[in-house]
Amino acid sequence: MIRTIKYYLLALTLCFCHLTLFAQNRTIDSLLTFLKKDKPDTNKVNRLNKLCKEYIIRGIYDTAIYYGNPALQLAKELTFKKGIANSYSN
């Protein structure tokens, strides 16, 4: 009986992990979709910073830098202080 409960809890945990990963993929996909349509303004800086943060959370640091550096450069061009701060924070 105890073994059955352990297996049930393990299966339930694996299901929740899968759902969490799926939700993260959706976030990145939607950010990438909007990023393609963005003009070079503060919204683009914010989206680039969000993408950077998502990849940092996942541990994909080289891709995080790939999106973080353009966010910093664009924020500096726009003199967008909050964007510069967020870029340095990432």
N, C-alpha and C. Protein backbone atom coordinates (compact mmCIF):
# COMPACT_ATOMS: atom_id res chain seq x y z
N MET A 1 0.83 -1.20 0.00
CA MET A 1 0.00 0.00 0.00
C MET A 1 0.88 1.26 0.00
N ILE A 2 1.91 1.27 0.82
CA ILE A 2 2.78 2.44 0.90
C ILE A 2 3.54 2.63 -0.42
N ARG A 3 3.96 1.50 -1.03
CA ARG A 3 4.65 1.60 -2.31
C ARG A 3 3.74 2.19 -3.38
N THR A 4 2.50 1.83 -3.36
CA THR A 4 1.54 2.35 -4.34
C THR A 4 1.39 3.87 -4.19
N ILE A 5 1.33 4.32 -2.96
CA ILE A 5 1.21 5.75 -2.71
C ILE A 5 2.46 6.48 -3.19
N LYS A 6 3.63 5.90 -2.95
CA LYS A 6 4.89 6.52 -3.38
C LYS A 6 4.93 6.65 -4.91
N TYR A 7 4.52 5.59 -5.61
CA TYR A 7 4.51 5.64 -7.07
C TYR A 7 3.50 6.65 -7.58
N TYR A 8 2.37 6.74 -6.93
CA TYR A 8 1.34 7.70 -7.31
C TYR A 8 1.86 9.13 -7.15
N LEU A 9 2.51 9.40 -6.02
CA LEU A 9 3.06 10.72 -5.78
C LEU A 9 4.18 11.06 -6.77
N LEU A 10 4.99 10.07 -7.09
CA LEU A 10 6.05 10.28 -8.07
C LEU A 10 5.47 10.63 -9.44
N ALA A 11 4.47 9.90 -9.87
CA ALA A 11 3.83 10.17 -11.16
C ALA A 11 3.19 11.55 -11.17
N LEU A 12 2.55 11.92 -10.09
CA LEU A 12 1.91 13.22 -9.98
C LEU A 12 2.94 14.34 -10.05
N THR A 13 4.06 14.16 -9.38
CA THR A 13 5.14 15.15 -9.40
C THR A 13 5.70 15.32 -10.80
N LEU A 14 5.91 14.23 -11.51
CA LEU A 14 6.43 14.30 -12.87
C LEU A 14 5.47 15.02 -13.80
N CYS A 15 4.19 14.83 -13.60
CA CYS A 15 3.18 15.52 -14.42
C CYS A 15 3.27 17.04 -14.20
N PHE A 16 3.40 17.46 -12.96
CA PHE A 16 3.48 18.89 -12.66
C PHE A 16 4.76 19.50 -13.22
N CYS A 17 5.86 18.77 -13.18
CA CYS A 17 7.11 19.27 -13.74
C CYS A 17 6.97 19.49 -15.24
N HIS A 18 6.30 18.58 -15.91
CA HIS A 18 6.10 18.71 -17.35
C HIS A 18 5.25 19.94 -17.67
N LEU A 19 4.22 20.20 -16.89
CA LEU A 19 3.37 21.36 -17.12
C LEU A 19 4.14 22.67 -16.92
N THR A 20 5.01 22.69 -15.94
CA THR A 20 5.81 23.88 -15.67
C THR A 20 6.74 24.18 -16.84
N LEU A 21 7.39 23.16 -17.37
CA LEU A 21 8.29 23.34 -18.50
C LEU A 21 7.53 23.82 -19.73
N PHE A 22 6.33 23.29 -19.93
CA PHE A 22 5.52 23.70 -21.07
C PHE A 22 5.15 25.17 -20.97
N ALA A 23 4.82 25.62 -19.78
CA ALA A 23 4.45 27.03 -19.59
C ALA A 23 5.64 27.94 -19.87
N GLN A 24 6.84 27.51 -19.49
CA GLN A 24 8.03 28.32 -19.75
C GLN A 24 8.30 28.43 -21.25
N ASN A 25 8.07 27.34 -21.98
CA ASN A 25 8.26 27.39 -23.43
C ASN A 25 7.30 28.38 -24.06
N ARG A 26 6.08 28.42 -23.57
CA ARG A 26 5.09 29.35 -24.11
C ARG A 26 5.52 30.79 -23.89
N THR A 27 6.07 31.07 -22.73
CA THR A 27 6.51 32.43 -22.42
C THR A 27 7.60 32.87 -23.39
N ILE A 28 8.59 32.03 -23.58
CA ILE A 28 9.69 32.37 -24.48
C ILE A 28 9.18 32.51 -25.91
N ASP A 29 8.33 31.59 -26.34
CA ASP A 29 7.79 31.66 -27.70
C ASP A 29 7.01 32.94 -27.94
N SER A 30 6.19 33.33 -26.98
CA SER A 30 5.40 34.55 -27.18
C SER A 30 6.30 35.79 -27.17
N LEU A 31 7.31 35.80 -26.31
CA LEU A 31 8.24 36.93 -26.31
C LEU A 31 9.00 37.04 -27.63
N LEU A 32 9.41 35.91 -28.19
CA LEU A 32 10.12 35.91 -29.47
C LEU A 32 9.21 36.39 -30.60
N THR A 33 7.95 36.00 -30.55
CA THR A 33 6.99 36.43 -31.57
C THR A 33 6.81 37.94 -31.54
N PHE A 34 6.60 38.50 -30.35
CA PHE A 34 6.42 39.94 -30.23
C PHE A 34 7.71 40.70 -30.57
N LEU A 35 8.84 40.10 -30.25
CA LEU A 35 10.12 40.76 -30.49
C LEU A 35 10.35 41.00 -31.97
N LYS A 36 9.89 40.08 -32.82
CA LYS A 36 10.05 40.24 -34.26
C LYS A 36 9.29 41.45 -34.79
N LYS A 37 8.19 41.80 -34.14
CA LYS A 37 7.33 42.89 -34.60
C LYS A 37 7.67 44.24 -33.95
N ASP A 38 8.48 44.20 -32.89
CA ASP A 38 8.77 45.42 -32.14
C ASP A 38 9.65 46.38 -32.92
N LYS A 39 9.36 47.66 -32.74
CA LYS A 39 10.23 48.72 -33.23
C LYS A 39 11.30 48.95 -32.17
N PRO A 40 12.42 49.56 -32.53
CA PRO A 40 13.47 49.80 -31.53
C PRO A 40 13.06 50.89 -30.53
N ASP A 41 12.31 50.50 -29.52
CA ASP A 41 11.88 51.43 -28.48
C ASP A 41 11.97 50.73 -27.12
N THR A 42 11.38 51.35 -26.11
CA THR A 42 11.49 50.80 -24.75
C THR A 42 10.79 49.45 -24.62
N ASN A 43 9.73 49.20 -25.39
CA ASN A 43 9.08 47.89 -25.34
C ASN A 43 10.03 46.78 -25.78
N LYS A 44 10.82 47.06 -26.80
CA LYS A 44 11.78 46.07 -27.27
C LYS A 44 12.84 45.80 -26.21
N VAL A 45 13.30 46.84 -25.54
CA VAL A 45 14.27 46.68 -24.46
C VAL A 45 13.68 45.80 -23.37
N ASN A 46 12.44 46.08 -22.99
CA ASN A 46 11.79 45.28 -21.94
C ASN A 46 11.63 43.83 -22.34
N ARG A 47 11.25 43.58 -23.58
CA ARG A 47 11.09 42.20 -24.04
C ARG A 47 12.44 41.47 -24.10
N LEU A 48 13.46 42.16 -24.58
CA LEU A 48 14.80 41.55 -24.59
C LEU A 48 15.26 41.21 -23.18
N ASN A 49 14.99 42.09 -22.24
CA ASN A 49 15.36 41.82 -20.85
C ASN A 49 14.55 40.65 -20.27
N LYS A 50 13.28 40.55 -20.62
CA LYS A 50 12.46 39.43 -20.15
C LYS A 50 12.97 38.11 -20.73
N LEU A 51 13.33 38.13 -22.01
CA LEU A 51 13.90 36.93 -22.62
C LEU A 51 15.20 36.54 -21.93
N CYS A 52 16.03 37.52 -21.68
CA CYS A 52 17.28 37.27 -20.98
C CYS A 52 17.02 36.61 -19.63
N LYS A 53 16.07 37.14 -18.90
CA LYS A 53 15.74 36.61 -17.57
C LYS A 53 15.20 35.18 -17.67
N GLU A 54 14.35 34.90 -18.65
CA GLU A 54 13.81 33.55 -18.83
C GLU A 54 14.92 32.54 -19.08
N TYR A 55 15.88 32.92 -19.91
CA TYR A 55 16.98 32.00 -20.20
C TYR A 55 17.91 31.85 -19.00
N ILE A 56 18.06 32.89 -18.20
CA ILE A 56 18.86 32.77 -16.98
C ILE A 56 18.19 31.78 -16.02
N ILE A 57 16.89 31.89 -15.88
CA ILE A 57 16.15 30.98 -14.99
C ILE A 57 16.34 29.54 -15.43
N ARG A 58 16.38 29.31 -16.74
CA ARG A 58 16.54 27.96 -17.27
C ARG A 58 18.00 27.49 -17.26
N GLY A 59 18.92 28.40 -17.00
CA GLY A 59 20.33 28.03 -16.97
C GLY A 59 20.99 28.03 -18.33
N ILE A 60 20.38 28.69 -19.32
CA ILE A 60 20.95 28.77 -20.67
C ILE A 60 21.59 30.15 -20.79
N TYR A 61 22.79 30.25 -20.26
CA TYR A 61 23.42 31.55 -20.08
C TYR A 61 23.93 32.18 -21.38
N ASP A 62 24.39 31.37 -22.32
CA ASP A 62 24.89 31.96 -23.57
C ASP A 62 23.76 32.62 -24.36
N THR A 63 22.58 32.02 -24.34
CA THR A 63 21.43 32.63 -25.02
C THR A 63 20.94 33.84 -24.24
N ALA A 64 21.06 33.80 -22.92
CA ALA A 64 20.68 34.96 -22.11
C ALA A 64 21.56 36.15 -22.46
N ILE A 65 22.84 35.93 -22.64
CA ILE A 65 23.75 37.01 -23.03
C ILE A 65 23.43 37.50 -24.43
N TYR A 66 23.03 36.56 -25.30
CA TYR A 66 22.67 36.91 -26.68
C TYR A 66 21.53 37.94 -26.71
N TYR A 67 20.58 37.82 -25.80
CA TYR A 67 19.46 38.78 -25.74
C TYR A 67 19.74 39.93 -24.77
N GLY A 68 20.60 39.74 -23.82
CA GLY A 68 20.89 40.79 -22.85
C GLY A 68 21.74 41.91 -23.39
N ASN A 69 22.73 41.57 -24.20
CA ASN A 69 23.61 42.61 -24.76
C ASN A 69 22.87 43.59 -25.67
N PRO A 70 22.03 43.12 -26.60
CA PRO A 70 21.29 44.09 -27.42
C PRO A 70 20.32 44.94 -26.59
N ALA A 71 19.79 44.36 -25.52
CA ALA A 71 18.91 45.13 -24.64
C ALA A 71 19.67 46.28 -24.01
N LEU A 72 20.88 46.02 -23.56
CA LEU A 72 21.71 47.06 -22.96
C LEU A 72 22.09 48.14 -23.99
N GLN A 73 22.49 47.70 -25.17
CA GLN A 73 22.88 48.66 -26.20
C GLN A 73 21.72 49.56 -26.61
N LEU A 74 20.55 48.96 -26.82
CA LEU A 74 19.38 49.74 -27.23
C LEU A 74 18.93 50.68 -26.11
N ALA A 75 18.98 50.19 -24.87
CA ALA A 75 18.59 51.04 -23.74
C ALA A 75 19.53 52.24 -23.62
N LYS A 76 20.81 52.03 -23.87
CA LYS A 76 21.76 53.16 -23.84
C LYS A 76 21.48 54.15 -24.96
N GLU A 77 21.16 53.63 -26.17
CA GLU A 77 20.85 54.52 -27.29
C GLU A 77 19.61 55.37 -27.00
N LEU A 78 18.64 54.76 -26.31
CA LEU A 78 17.39 55.47 -26.00
C LEU A 78 17.48 56.27 -24.71
N THR A 79 18.59 56.17 -24.00
CA THR A 79 18.76 56.72 -22.65
C THR A 79 17.59 56.33 -21.74
N PHE A 80 17.26 55.05 -21.80
CA PHE A 80 16.19 54.45 -21.02
C PHE A 80 16.81 53.88 -19.75
N LYS A 81 16.81 54.68 -18.68
CA LYS A 81 17.54 54.35 -17.46
C LYS A 81 17.06 53.05 -16.81
N LYS A 82 15.76 52.84 -16.77
CA LYS A 82 15.24 51.61 -16.17
C LYS A 82 15.68 50.39 -16.99
N GLY A 83 15.69 50.52 -18.32
CA GLY A 83 16.14 49.43 -19.18
C GLY A 83 17.62 49.14 -19.00
N ILE A 84 18.41 50.20 -18.84
CA ILE A 84 19.85 50.02 -18.60
C ILE A 84 20.06 49.28 -17.28
N ALA A 85 19.35 49.69 -16.26
CA ALA A 85 19.48 49.06 -14.95
C ALA A 85 19.07 47.59 -15.00
N ASN A 86 17.97 47.29 -15.67
CA ASN A 86 17.52 45.90 -15.79
C ASN A 86 18.51 45.07 -16.58
N SER A 87 19.09 45.64 -17.62
CA SER A 87 20.07 44.92 -18.42
C SER A 87 21.31 44.58 -17.59
N TYR A 88 21.79 45.54 -16.83
CA TYR A 88 22.94 45.28 -15.97
C TYR A 88 22.58 44.26 -14.87
N SER A 89 21.36 44.32 -14.40
CA SER A 89 20.92 43.38 -13.38
C SER A 89 20.92 41.95 -13.90
N ASN A 90 20.50 41.80 -15.15
CA ASN A 90 20.49 40.44 -15.75
C ASN A 90 21.91 39.97 -15.96
